[in-house]
C-alpha atoms as a PDB file:
ATOM      1  CA  MET A   1      36.736 -80.062 126.076  1.00  0.00           C
ATOM      2  CA  LYS A   2      34.945 -79.973 129.244  1.00  0.00           C
ATOM      3  CA  SER A   3      33.471 -82.852 131.423  1.00  0.00           C
ATOM      4  CA  MET A   4      31.853 -83.211 134.461  1.00  0.00           C
ATOM      5  CA  LYS A   5      30.953 -86.423 136.474  1.00  0.00           C
ATOM      6  CA  ALA A   6      28.591 -86.481 139.379  1.00  0.00           C
ATOM      7  CA  THR A   7      27.099 -89.537 141.541  1.00  0.00           C
ATOM      8  CA  LEU A   8      25.174 -88.400 144.327  1.00  0.00           C
ATOM      9  CA  PHE A   9      23.132 -90.110 147.305  1.00  0.00           C
ATOM     10  CA  ALA A  10      20.851 -88.509 149.560  1.00  0.00           C
ATOM     11  CA  LEU A  11      19.171 -89.521 152.764  1.00  0.00           C
ATOM     12  CA  SER A  12      16.640 -86.756 153.408  1.00  0.00           C
ATOM     13  CA  ALA A  13      19.259 -84.116 151.903  1.00  0.00           C
ATOM     14  CA  PHE A  14      19.581 -81.093 149.819  1.00  0.00           C
ATOM     15  CA  LEU A  15      21.710 -80.693 146.926  1.00  0.00           C
ATOM     16  CA  LEU A  16      21.899 -77.472 144.653  1.00  0.00           C
ATOM     17  CA  ILE A  17      25.307 -77.659 142.610  1.00  0.00           C
ATOM     18  CA  ASN A  18      25.989 -74.942 139.670  1.00  0.00           C
ATOM     19  CA  SER A  19      29.677 -74.963 138.307  1.00  0.00           C
ATOM     20  CA  PRO A  20      30.673 -71.481 137.109  1.00  0.00           C
ATOM     21  CA  ALA A  21      34.366 -72.947 136.584  1.00  0.00           C
ATOM     22  CA  PHE A  22      33.449 -74.608 133.602  1.00  0.00           C
ATOM     23  CA  ALA A  23      31.536 -71.450 132.129  1.00  0.00           C
ATOM     24  CA  GLY A  24      34.784 -70.594 130.072  1.00  0.00           C
ATOM     25  CA  ILE A  25      34.313 -72.296 126.614  1.00  0.00           C
ATOM     26  CA  GLY A  26      30.589 -73.587 127.288  1.00  0.00           C
ATOM     27  CA  SER A  27      28.556 -73.549 130.534  1.00  0.00           C
ATOM     28  CA  ASP A  28      27.757 -76.895 131.811  1.00  0.00           C
ATOM     29  CA  SER A  29      25.315 -76.506 135.066  1.00  0.00           C
ATOM     30  CA  ALA A  30      23.716 -79.152 137.170  1.00  0.00           C
ATOM     31  CA  TYR A  31      21.207 -78.189 139.304  1.00  0.00           C
ATOM     32  CA  ILE A  32      20.299 -81.313 141.707  1.00  0.00           C
ATOM     33  CA  THR A  33      17.649 -81.292 144.618  1.00  0.00           C
ATOM     34  CA  GLN A  34      17.006 -84.398 146.709  1.00  0.00           C
ATOM     35  CA  ALA A  35      14.731 -84.158 150.056  1.00  0.00           C
ATOM     36  CA  GLY A  36      13.811 -87.688 149.725  1.00  0.00           C
ATOM     37  CA  ASP A  37      15.169 -90.733 151.081  1.00  0.00           C
ATOM     38  CA  ASN A  38      17.994 -93.047 149.186  1.00  0.00           C
ATOM     39  CA  GLY A  39      17.762 -90.831 146.005  1.00  0.00           C
ATOM     40  CA  THR A  40      20.271 -91.506 143.740  1.00  0.00           C
ATOM     41  CA  VAL A  41      21.447 -89.122 140.645  1.00  0.00           C
ATOM     42  CA  THR A  42      24.707 -89.677 138.188  1.00  0.00           C
ATOM     43  CA  THR A  43      25.395 -86.802 135.704  1.00  0.00           C
ATOM     44  CA  SER A  44      27.592 -86.718 133.055  1.00  0.00           C
ATOM     45  CA  GLN A  45      28.223 -83.805 130.711  1.00  0.00           C
ATOM     46  CA  THR A  46      30.845 -83.753 127.887  1.00  0.00           C
ATOM     47  CA  ALA A  47      30.896 -80.227 126.124  1.00  0.00           C
ATOM     48  CA  ASN A  48      32.636 -78.422 123.482  1.00  0.00           C
ATOM     49  CA  GLY A  49      31.441 -75.146 123.459  1.00  0.00           C
ATOM     50  CA  ASN A  50      28.035 -75.887 124.108  1.00  0.00           C
ATOM     51  CA  PRO A  51      25.253 -74.717 127.168  1.00  0.00           C
ATOM     52  CA  ASN A  52      24.282 -78.120 128.245  1.00  0.00           C
ATOM     53  CA  THR A  53      21.612 -78.161 131.314  1.00  0.00           C
ATOM     54  CA  ILE A  54      20.468 -80.981 133.901  1.00  0.00           C
ATOM     55  CA  THR A  55      17.836 -80.583 136.330  1.00  0.00           C
ATOM     56  CA  VAL A  56      16.909 -82.776 138.531  1.00  0.00           C
ATOM     57  CA  THR A  57      14.213 -82.400 141.367  1.00  0.00           C
ATOM     58  CA  GLN A  58      13.144 -85.715 143.759  1.00  0.00           C
ATOM     59  CA  TYR A  59      11.241 -84.187 146.285  1.00  0.00           C
ATOM     60  CA  VAL A  60       9.961 -84.538 149.757  1.00  0.00           C
ATOM     61  CA  GLY A  61       8.175 -88.122 150.520  1.00  0.00           C
ATOM     62  CA  SER A  62      10.175 -89.765 147.524  1.00  0.00           C
ATOM     63  CA  SER A  63      12.272 -92.648 148.342  1.00  0.00           C
ATOM     64  CA  ASN A  64      14.896 -94.953 146.258  1.00  0.00           C
ATOM     65  CA  GLU A  65      14.121 -92.667 143.195  1.00  0.00           C
ATOM     66  CA  THR A  66      17.365 -93.103 140.660  1.00  0.00           C
ATOM     67  CA  ALA A  67      17.728 -90.591 137.361  1.00  0.00           C
ATOM     68  CA  ASP A  68      20.928 -90.927 134.916  1.00  0.00           C
ATOM     69  CA  VAL A  69      21.738 -87.864 132.936  1.00  0.00           C
ATOM     70  CA  THR A  70      24.347 -88.548 130.112  1.00  0.00           C
ATOM     71  CA  GLN A  71      24.982 -85.378 127.537  1.00  0.00           C
ATOM     72  CA  ASP A  72      27.531 -84.792 124.844  1.00  0.00           C
ATOM     73  CA  GLY A  73      27.688 -83.624 121.588  1.00  0.00           C
ATOM     74  CA  ILE A  74      27.388 -79.960 120.052  1.00  0.00           C
ATOM     75  CA  SER A  75      24.220 -78.032 120.826  1.00  0.00           C
ATOM     76  CA  ASP A  76      22.015 -77.019 123.903  1.00  0.00           C
ATOM     77  CA  LEU A  77      21.344 -80.198 125.586  1.00  0.00           C
ATOM     78  CA  LYS A  78      18.860 -79.434 128.367  1.00  0.00           C
ATOM     79  CA  ALA A  79      17.056 -82.376 130.408  1.00  0.00           C
ATOM     80  CA  THR A  80      14.879 -81.831 133.383  1.00  0.00           C
ATOM     81  CA  ILE A  81      13.620 -84.729 135.420  1.00  0.00           C
ATOM     82  CA  LYS A  82      11.145 -84.558 138.476  1.00  0.00           C
ATOM     83  CA  GLN A  83      10.036 -87.716 140.725  1.00  0.00           C
ATOM     84  CA  TYR A  84       7.544 -87.753 143.280  1.00  0.00           C
ATOM     85  CA  GLY A  85       7.132 -91.825 143.688  1.00  0.00           C
ATOM     86  CA  THR A  86       8.706 -94.495 145.162  1.00  0.00           C
ATOM     87  CA  GLY A  87      11.386 -96.485 143.330  1.00  0.00           C
ATOM     88  CA  ASP A  88      11.036 -94.630 139.872  1.00  0.00           C
ATOM     89  CA  ASN A  89      13.917 -95.188 137.321  1.00  0.00           C
ATOM     90  CA  THR A  90      14.884 -92.431 134.927  1.00  0.00           C
ATOM     91  CA  THR A  91      17.282 -92.700 131.890  1.00  0.00           C
ATOM     92  CA  VAL A  92      18.501 -89.570 129.922  1.00  0.00           C
ATOM     93  CA  ILE A  93      20.761 -89.820 126.641  1.00  0.00           C
ATOM     94  CA  GLN A  94      21.216 -86.794 124.676  1.00  0.00           C
ATOM     95  CA  ARG A  95      23.724 -86.758 121.836  1.00  0.00           C
ATOM     96  CA  GLY A  96      22.590 -84.523 119.053  1.00  0.00           C
ATOM     97  CA  GLU A  97      21.653 -80.793 118.685  1.00  0.00           C
ATOM     98  CA  HIS A  98      19.134 -78.490 120.421  1.00  0.00           C
ATOM     99  CA  ASP A  99      17.727 -81.231 122.242  1.00  0.00           C
ATOM    100  CA  TYR A 100      15.203 -81.083 125.348  1.00  0.00           C
ATOM    101  CA  VAL A 101      13.780 -83.549 127.379  1.00  0.00           C
ATOM    102  CA  ARG A 102      10.978 -83.163 130.331  1.00  0.00           C
ATOM    103  CA  LEU A 103      10.499 -86.024 132.489  1.00  0.00           C
ATOM    104  CA  ASP A 104       8.266 -85.770 135.182  1.00  0.00           C
ATOM    105  CA  GLN A 105       7.041 -89.096 137.154  1.00  0.00           C
ATOM    106  CA  SER A 106       4.414 -87.981 139.856  1.00  0.00           C
ATOM    107  CA  GLY A 107       2.388 -90.819 141.416  1.00  0.00           C
ATOM    108  CA  GLU A 108       2.729 -93.982 143.548  1.00  0.00           C
ATOM    109  CA  GLY A 109       6.379 -95.078 142.013  1.00  0.00           C
ATOM    110  CA  GLY A 110       7.810 -98.089 140.094  1.00  0.00           C
ATOM    111  CA  ASN A 111       7.703 -95.982 137.179  1.00  0.00           C
ATOM    112  CA  SER A 112      10.316 -96.586 134.413  1.00  0.00           C
ATOM    113  CA  ALA A 113      11.092 -93.721 131.606  1.00  0.00           C
ATOM    114  CA  ASP A 114      13.942 -93.743 128.901  1.00  0.00           C
ATOM    115  CA  VAL A 115      14.576 -91.093 126.346  1.00  0.00           C
ATOM    116  CA  THR A 116      17.253 -91.503 123.797  1.00  0.00           C
ATOM    117  CA  GLN A 117      18.429 -88.274 121.651  1.00  0.00           C
ATOM    118  CA  ASP A 118      20.758 -89.628 119.348  1.00  0.00           C
ATOM    119  CA  THR A 119      24.089 -88.157 117.471  1.00  0.00           C
ATOM    120  CA  ALA A 120      21.789 -87.779 114.346  1.00  0.00           C
ATOM    121  CA  SER A 121      18.685 -85.942 115.730  1.00  0.00           C
ATOM    122  CA  VAL A 122      18.637 -82.286 115.560  1.00  0.00           C
ATOM    123  CA  GLY A 123      16.303 -79.911 116.858  1.00  0.00           C
ATOM    124  CA  VAL A 124      14.023 -82.740 118.520  1.00  0.00           C
ATOM    125  CA  LEU A 125      11.558 -82.647 121.566  1.00  0.00           C
ATOM    126  CA  ALA A 126      10.877 -84.982 124.089  1.00  0.00           C
ATOM    127  CA  THR A 127       8.056 -84.757 126.884  1.00  0.00           C
ATOM    128  CA  ILE A 128       6.743 -87.769 129.404  1.00  0.00           C
ATOM    129  CA  THR A 129       4.714 -87.542 131.989  1.00  0.00           C
ATOM    130  CA  GLN A 130       3.717 -90.467 134.268  1.00  0.00           C
ATOM    131  CA  VAL A 131       1.211 -90.688 137.045  1.00  0.00           C
ATOM    132  CA  GLY A 132       0.145 -94.134 138.727  1.00  0.00           C
ATOM    133  CA  SER A 133       2.339 -96.900 139.143  1.00  0.00           C
ATOM    134  CA  SER A 134       4.557 -99.415 137.385  1.00  0.00           C
ATOM    135  CA  ASN A 135       4.457 -97.591 133.882  1.00  0.00           C
ATOM    136  CA  THR A 136       7.057 -97.755 131.007  1.00  0.00           C
ATOM    137  CA  SER A 137       8.268 -95.254 128.878  1.00  0.00           C
ATOM    138  CA  GLU A 138      10.893 -95.059 126.056  1.00  0.00           C
ATOM    139  CA  ILE A 139      11.300 -92.386 123.380  1.00  0.00           C
ATOM    140  CA  ILE A 140      13.601 -92.644 120.606  1.00  0.00           C
ATOM    141  CA  GLN A 141      14.590 -89.937 118.647  1.00  0.00           C
ATOM    142  CA  ASN A 142      17.562 -89.959 115.689  1.00  0.00           C
ATOM    143  CA  GLY A 143      15.778 -87.465 113.146  1.00  0.00           C
ATOM    144  CA  LEU A 144      15.202 -83.904 112.401  1.00  0.00           C
ATOM    145  CA  SER A 145      13.042 -81.611 114.630  1.00  0.00           C
ATOM    146  CA  ASP A 146      11.129 -84.845 115.476  1.00  0.00           C
ATOM    147  CA  LYS A 147       8.442 -84.391 118.442  1.00  0.00           C
ATOM    148  CA  ALA A 148       7.075 -87.085 121.121  1.00  0.00           C
ATOM    149  CA  THR A 149       4.864 -86.608 124.178  1.00  0.00           C
ATOM    150  CA  ILE A 150       3.594 -89.505 126.088  1.00  0.00           C
ATOM    151  CA  TYR A 151       1.113 -89.277 128.962  1.00  0.00           C
ATOM    152  CA  GLN A 152      -0.026 -92.343 131.024  1.00  0.00           C
ATOM    153  CA  GLU A 153      -2.014 -92.672 134.374  1.00  0.00           C
ATOM    154  CA  GLY A 154      -3.015 -95.546 135.913  1.00  0.00           C
ATOM    155  CA  SER A 155      -0.798 -98.808 136.074  1.00  0.00           C
ATOM    156  CA  GLY A 156       1.422-101.134 134.285  1.00  0.00           C
ATOM    157  CA  ASN A 157       1.118 -99.068 130.983  1.00  0.00           C
ATOM    158  CA  GLY A 158       3.944 -99.342 128.228  1.00  0.00           C
ATOM    159  CA  ALA A 159       4.475 -96.858 125.365  1.00  0.00           C
ATOM    160  CA  THR A 160       7.174 -96.719 123.068  1.00  0.00           C
ATOM    161  CA  VAL A 161       7.983 -93.772 120.551  1.00  0.00           C
ATOM    162  CA  ASN A 162      10.855 -94.565 117.871  1.00  0.00           C
ATOM    163  CA  GLN A 163      11.785 -91.903 115.078  1.00  0.00           C
ATOM    164  CA  GLY A 164      14.122 -92.782 113.077  1.00  0.00           C
ATOM    165  CA  VAL A 165      17.277 -91.645 111.275  1.00  0.00           C
ATOM    166  CA  PHE A 166      15.496 -90.294 107.980  1.00  0.00           C
ATOM    167  CA  SER A 167      12.451 -89.491 110.346  1.00  0.00           C
ATOM    168  CA  GLN A 168      11.509 -85.257 109.719  1.00  0.00           C
ATOM    169  CA  PHE A 169       9.452 -83.068 111.306  1.00  0.00           C
ATOM    170  CA  GLU A 170       7.499 -86.308 112.514  1.00  0.00           C
ATOM    171  CA  GLU A 171       5.155 -85.713 115.326  1.00  0.00           C
ATOM    172  CA  ALA A 172       3.658 -88.672 117.992  1.00  0.00           C
ATOM    173  CA  SER A 173       1.450 -88.816 120.836  1.00  0.00           C
ATOM    174  CA  ILE A 174       0.939 -91.498 123.504  1.00  0.00           C
ATOM    175  CA  THR A 175      -1.812 -91.134 126.051  1.00  0.00           C
ATOM    176  CA  GLN A 176      -2.617 -93.773 127.844  1.00  0.00           C
ATOM    177  CA  TYR A 177      -5.294 -94.299 130.906  1.00  0.00           C
ATOM    178  CA  GLY A 178      -6.229 -97.449 133.078  1.00  0.00           C
ATOM    179  CA  VAL A 179      -4.374-100.582 133.576  1.00  0.00           C
ATOM    180  CA  GLY A 180      -2.430-102.789 131.553  1.00  0.00           C
ATOM    181  CA  ASN A 181      -2.783-100.882 127.969  1.00  0.00           C
ATOM    182  CA  THR A 182       0.007-100.410 125.297  1.00  0.00           C
ATOM    183  CA  GLY A 183       0.855 -98.070 122.559  1.00  0.00           C
ATOM    184  CA  GLU A 184       3.851 -97.666 120.256  1.00  0.00           C
ATOM    185  CA  VAL A 185       4.529 -95.555 117.465  1.00  0.00           C
ATOM    186  CA  ILE A 186       7.147 -95.975 114.629  1.00  0.00           C
ATOM    187  CA  GLN A 187       8.314 -93.201 112.417  1.00  0.00           C
ATOM    188  CA  ASN A 188      10.844 -92.894 109.713  1.00  0.00           C
ATOM    189  CA  GLY A 189       9.331 -90.166 106.991  1.00  0.00           C
ATOM    190  CA  PHE A 190       8.406 -86.457 106.519  1.00  0.00           C
ATOM    191  CA  ASN A 191       6.160 -84.598 108.535  1.00  0.00           C
ATOM    192  CA  ASP A 192       3.646 -87.331 109.760  1.00  0.00           C
ATOM    193  CA  SER A 193       1.717 -87.242 112.602  1.00  0.00           C
ATOM    194  CA  ALA A 194       0.335 -90.193 114.919  1.00  0.00           C
ATOM    195  CA  THR A 195      -1.835 -90.132 117.818  1.00  0.00           C
ATOM    196  CA  ILE A 196      -2.948 -93.101 120.409  1.00  0.00           C
ATOM    197  CA  THR A 197      -5.263 -92.708 122.819  1.00  0.00           C
ATOM    198  CA  GLN A 198      -6.191 -95.888 125.373  1.00  0.00           C
ATOM    199  CA  SER A 199      -8.194 -96.176 128.341  1.00  0.00           C
ATOM    200  CA  VAL A 200      -9.712 -98.531 130.693  1.00  0.00           C
ATOM    201  CA  GLY A 201      -7.281-101.698 130.204  1.00  0.00           C
ATOM    202  CA  GLY A 202      -5.868-104.352 128.399  1.00  0.00           C
ATOM    203  CA  ASN A 203      -5.859-102.300 125.352  1.00  0.00           C
ATOM    204  CA  TRP A 204      -2.754-102.609 122.496  1.00  0.00           C
ATOM    205  CA  ALA A 205      -1.770-100.078 120.035  1.00  0.00           C
ATOM    206  CA  GLN A 206       0.472 -99.713 116.941  1.00  0.00           C
ATOM    207  CA  ILE A 207       1.130 -96.891 114.481  1.00  0.00           C
ATOM    208  CA  THR A 208       3.876 -97.569 111.898  1.00  0.00           C
ATOM    209  CA  GLN A 209       4.704 -94.479 109.160  1.00  0.00           C
ATOM    210  CA  GLU A 210       7.510 -95.186 106.914  1.00  0.00           C
ATOM    211  CA  ASN A 211       8.856 -94.385 103.316  1.00  0.00           C
ATOM    212  CA  GLY A 212       6.185 -91.516 103.055  1.00  0.00           C
ATOM    213  CA  SER A 213       5.697 -87.830 104.042  1.00  0.00           C
ATOM    214  CA  ASP A 214       2.168 -85.869 105.644  1.00  0.00           C
ATOM    215  CA  ASN A 215       0.520 -89.300 106.525  1.00  0.00           C
ATOM    216  CA  ARG A 216      -2.259 -88.878 109.419  1.00  0.00           C
ATOM    217  CA  ALA A 217      -3.141 -91.623 112.060  1.00  0.00           C
ATOM    218  CA  SER A 218      -5.176 -91.601 114.826  1.00  0.00           C
ATOM    219  CA  ILE A 219      -6.299 -94.408 116.885  1.00  0.00           C
ATOM    220  CA  SER A 220      -8.458 -94.221 119.545  1.00  0.00           C
ATOM    221  CA  GLN A 221      -9.685 -97.206 122.163  1.00  0.00           C
ATOM    222  CA  GLY A 222     -12.408 -96.432 125.139  1.00  0.00           C
ATOM    223  CA  GLY A 223     -13.040 -99.661 125.831  1.00  0.00           C
ATOM    224  CA  GLY A 224     -11.094-102.873 127.091  1.00  0.00           C
ATOM    225  CA  TYR A 225      -8.770-105.393 125.785  1.00  0.00           C
ATOM    226  CA  ASN A 226      -8.915-104.086 121.854  1.00  0.00           C
ATOM    227  CA  HIS A 227      -6.249-104.487 119.119  1.00  0.00           C
ATOM    228  CA  ALA A 228      -5.626-101.897 116.530  1.00  0.00           C
ATOM    229  CA  SER A 229      -2.315-101.366 114.392  1.00  0.00           C
ATOM    230  CA  ILE A 230      -2.292 -99.018 111.372  1.00  0.00           C
ATOM    231  CA  ALA A 231       0.625 -98.776 109.076  1.00  0.00           C
ATOM    232  CA  GLN A 232       1.183 -96.183 106.144  1.00  0.00           C
ATOM    233  CA  ASN A 233       3.446 -96.201 103.294  1.00  0.00           C
ATOM    234  CA  GLY A 234       2.995 -93.636 100.999  1.00  0.00           C
ATOM    235  CA  SER A 235       1.914 -89.957 101.196  1.00  0.00           C
ATOM    236  CA  SER A 236      -0.897 -88.341 102.275  1.00  0.00           C
ATOM    237  CA  ASN A 237      -2.765 -91.076 103.521  1.00  0.00           C
ATOM    238  CA  ASN A 238      -5.427 -90.727 106.717  1.00  0.00           C
ATOM    239  CA  ALA A 239      -6.327 -93.729 108.777  1.00  0.00           C
ATOM    240  CA  THR A 240      -8.446 -93.189 111.811  1.00  0.00           C
ATOM    241  CA  ILE A 241      -9.603 -95.644 114.429  1.00  0.00           C
ATOM    242  CA  ASP A 242     -11.798 -95.303 116.717  1.00  0.00           C
ATOM    243  CA  GLN A 243     -13.415 -98.305 119.179  1.00  0.00           C
ATOM    244  CA  PRO A 244     -15.117 -97.360 122.270  1.00  0.00           C
ATOM    245  CA  GLY A 245     -16.267-100.921 122.411  1.00  0.00           C
ATOM    246  CA  ASN A 246     -14.708-104.293 123.544  1.00  0.00           C
ATOM    247  CA  ASN A 247     -12.937-107.165 122.335  1.00  0.00           C
ATOM    248  CA  ASN A 248     -12.327-105.521 119.053  1.00  0.00           C
ATOM    249  CA  SER A 249      -9.735-105.762 116.712  1.00  0.00           C
ATOM    250  CA  VAL A 250      -8.856-103.488 113.344  1.00  0.00           C
ATOM    251  CA  THR A 251      -5.992-103.710 111.146  1.00  0.00           C
ATOM    252  CA  ILE A 252      -5.564-100.885 108.404  1.00  0.00           C
ATOM    253  CA  GLY A 253      -2.873-101.147 105.864  1.00  0.00           C
ATOM    254  CA  GLN A 254      -2.290 -98.033 103.262  1.00  0.00           C
ATOM    255  CA  ASN A 255       0.240 -98.616 100.505  1.00  0.00           C
ATOM    256  CA  GLY A 256       0.110 -95.262  98.155  1.00  0.00           C
ATOM    257  CA  ASN A 257      -0.897 -92.094  98.466  1.00  0.00           C
ATOM    258  CA  ASP A 258      -4.139 -90.074  98.951  1.00  0.00           C
ATOM    259  CA  ASN A 259      -6.180 -93.034 100.926  1.00  0.00           C
ATOM    260  CA  ILE A 260      -8.672 -92.910 103.566  1.00  0.00           C
ATOM    261  CA  ALA A 261      -9.803 -95.071 105.935  1.00  0.00           C
ATOM    262  CA  LYS A 262     -12.195 -94.320 108.889  1.00  0.00           C
ATOM    263  CA  ILE A 263     -13.043 -97.557 111.422  1.00  0.00           C
ATOM    264  CA  ASP A 264     -15.823 -97.019 113.983  1.00  0.00           C
ATOM    265  CA  GLN A 265     -16.488-100.330 116.033  1.00  0.00           C
ATOM    266  CA  PRO A 266     -18.835 -99.608 118.818  1.00  0.00           C
ATOM    267  CA  GLY A 267     -20.052-102.730 119.449  1.00  0.00           C
ATOM    268  CA  ASP A 268     -17.937-105.681 120.765  1.00  0.00           C
ATOM    269  CA  ASN A 269     -15.756-109.197 119.561  1.00  0.00           C
ATOM    270  CA  ASN A 270     -15.923-107.229 116.239  1.00  0.00           C
ATOM    271  CA  THR A 271     -13.075-107.992 113.475  1.00  0.00           C
ATOM    272  CA  ALA A 272     -12.000-105.691 110.692  1.00  0.00           C
ATOM    273  CA  THR A 273      -9.350-105.928 107.949  1.00  0.00           C
ATOM    274  CA  ILE A 274      -8.600-103.361 105.737  1.00  0.00           C
ATOM    275  CA  ASP A 275      -5.687-103.233 102.673  1.00  0.00           C
ATOM    276  CA  GLN A 276      -5.779 -99.971 100.974  1.00  0.00           C
ATOM    277  CA  HIS A 277      -2.990-100.155  97.724  1.00  0.00           C
ATOM    278  CA  GLY A 278      -2.848 -97.585  95.341  1.00  0.00           C
ATOM    279  CA  ASN A 279      -4.061 -94.271  95.094  1.00  0.00           C
ATOM    280  CA  SER A 280      -6.849 -91.778  96.229  1.00  0.00           C
ATOM    281  CA  HIS A 281      -9.312 -94.759  97.976  1.00  0.00           C
ATOM    282  CA  PHE A 282     -11.953 -94.213 100.429  1.00  0.00           C
ATOM    283  CA  LEU A 283     -13.237 -96.574 103.067  1.00  0.00           C
ATOM    284  CA  GLN A 284     -15.829 -95.657 105.724  1.00  0.00           C
ATOM    285  CA  LEU A 285     -16.794 -99.013 107.620  1.00  0.00           C
ATOM    286  CA  THR A 286     -18.933 -98.698 111.248  1.00  0.00           C
ATOM    287  CA  GLN A 287     -19.948-101.975 113.203  1.00  0.00           C
ATOM    288  CA  ASN A 288     -22.443-101.531 115.759  1.00  0.00           C
ATOM    289  CA  GLY A 289     -23.411-104.959 116.314  1.00  0.00           C
ATOM    290  CA  LYS A 290     -21.561-108.078 118.103  1.00  0.00           C
ATOM    291  CA  GLY A 291     -19.221-110.387 116.383  1.00  0.00           C
ATOM    292  CA  SER A 292     -19.057-109.339 112.969  1.00  0.00           C
ATOM    293  CA  ASN A 293     -16.244-109.740 110.833  1.00  0.00           C
ATOM    294  CA  ALA A 294     -15.280-107.483 107.992  1.00  0.00           C
ATOM    295  CA  THR A 295     -12.645-107.720 105.180  1.00  0.00           C
ATOM    296  CA  VAL A 296     -11.992-104.951 102.635  1.00  0.00           C
ATOM    297  CA  THR A 297      -9.267-104.699 100.363  1.00  0.00           C
ATOM    298  CA  GLN A 298      -8.678-102.088  97.540  1.00  0.00           C
ATOM    299  CA  HIS A 299      -6.651-101.912  94.444  1.00  0.00           C
END
């Protein structure tokens, strides 16, 4: 059992830490560089025959940056954090096996990013990149070989990925440009894929994939103030929402297997509600005008 705890405060400072004294049973390492003002780094490593690695860089011109990394458990835990703004905050907790986290907040500042890879997680990967200000991101991984990626450029955006204890080989990606967008992915199945892409501003999107396998869900909202949600319970379902217009709303529910739903709303102020129960249903809906309302139920 080995442990290393360091709390570092820097004012225009450069600090490099490498601790070969702990390399007898495992190999703890921490490389911390702070060249800005009032940076704070807190690391905690507890290894039991593991190579743990922490790399934190809060570079020239940065100020009031905060990074907190906790690593314990069994396996190759790694965390890389880079912050180049003002008042950014990062928290990483790793307790599982083969975990890898890379966080990069490059921009104006005030961004917050949290990654938790809990005790049940094995072989997971998380990547968060935020460019802008006042963006928030959170990735929670508790499953097997899950992957999550978040990229945000703009301000006031929020993104969350939650991969549960029963998730295996899940993939989630959230990309948001603009102001005040919100995206959320919840996965608790096997080999599912979820993608959210939002621009402009004021959009909301949620994808939930539970109790199934091989589901595919994609939401793209290129306009403003759109609302979209996809819920998949079953296997081999496919749902796609594309809303390049404004103030549109789509809800898709798929409960069964091998269902396909494709919704395209290029117009404004349109609403669509899709409910597919059973197997092998197909639906394609396009609403080009304004103020249309469509409700479809397939059993």
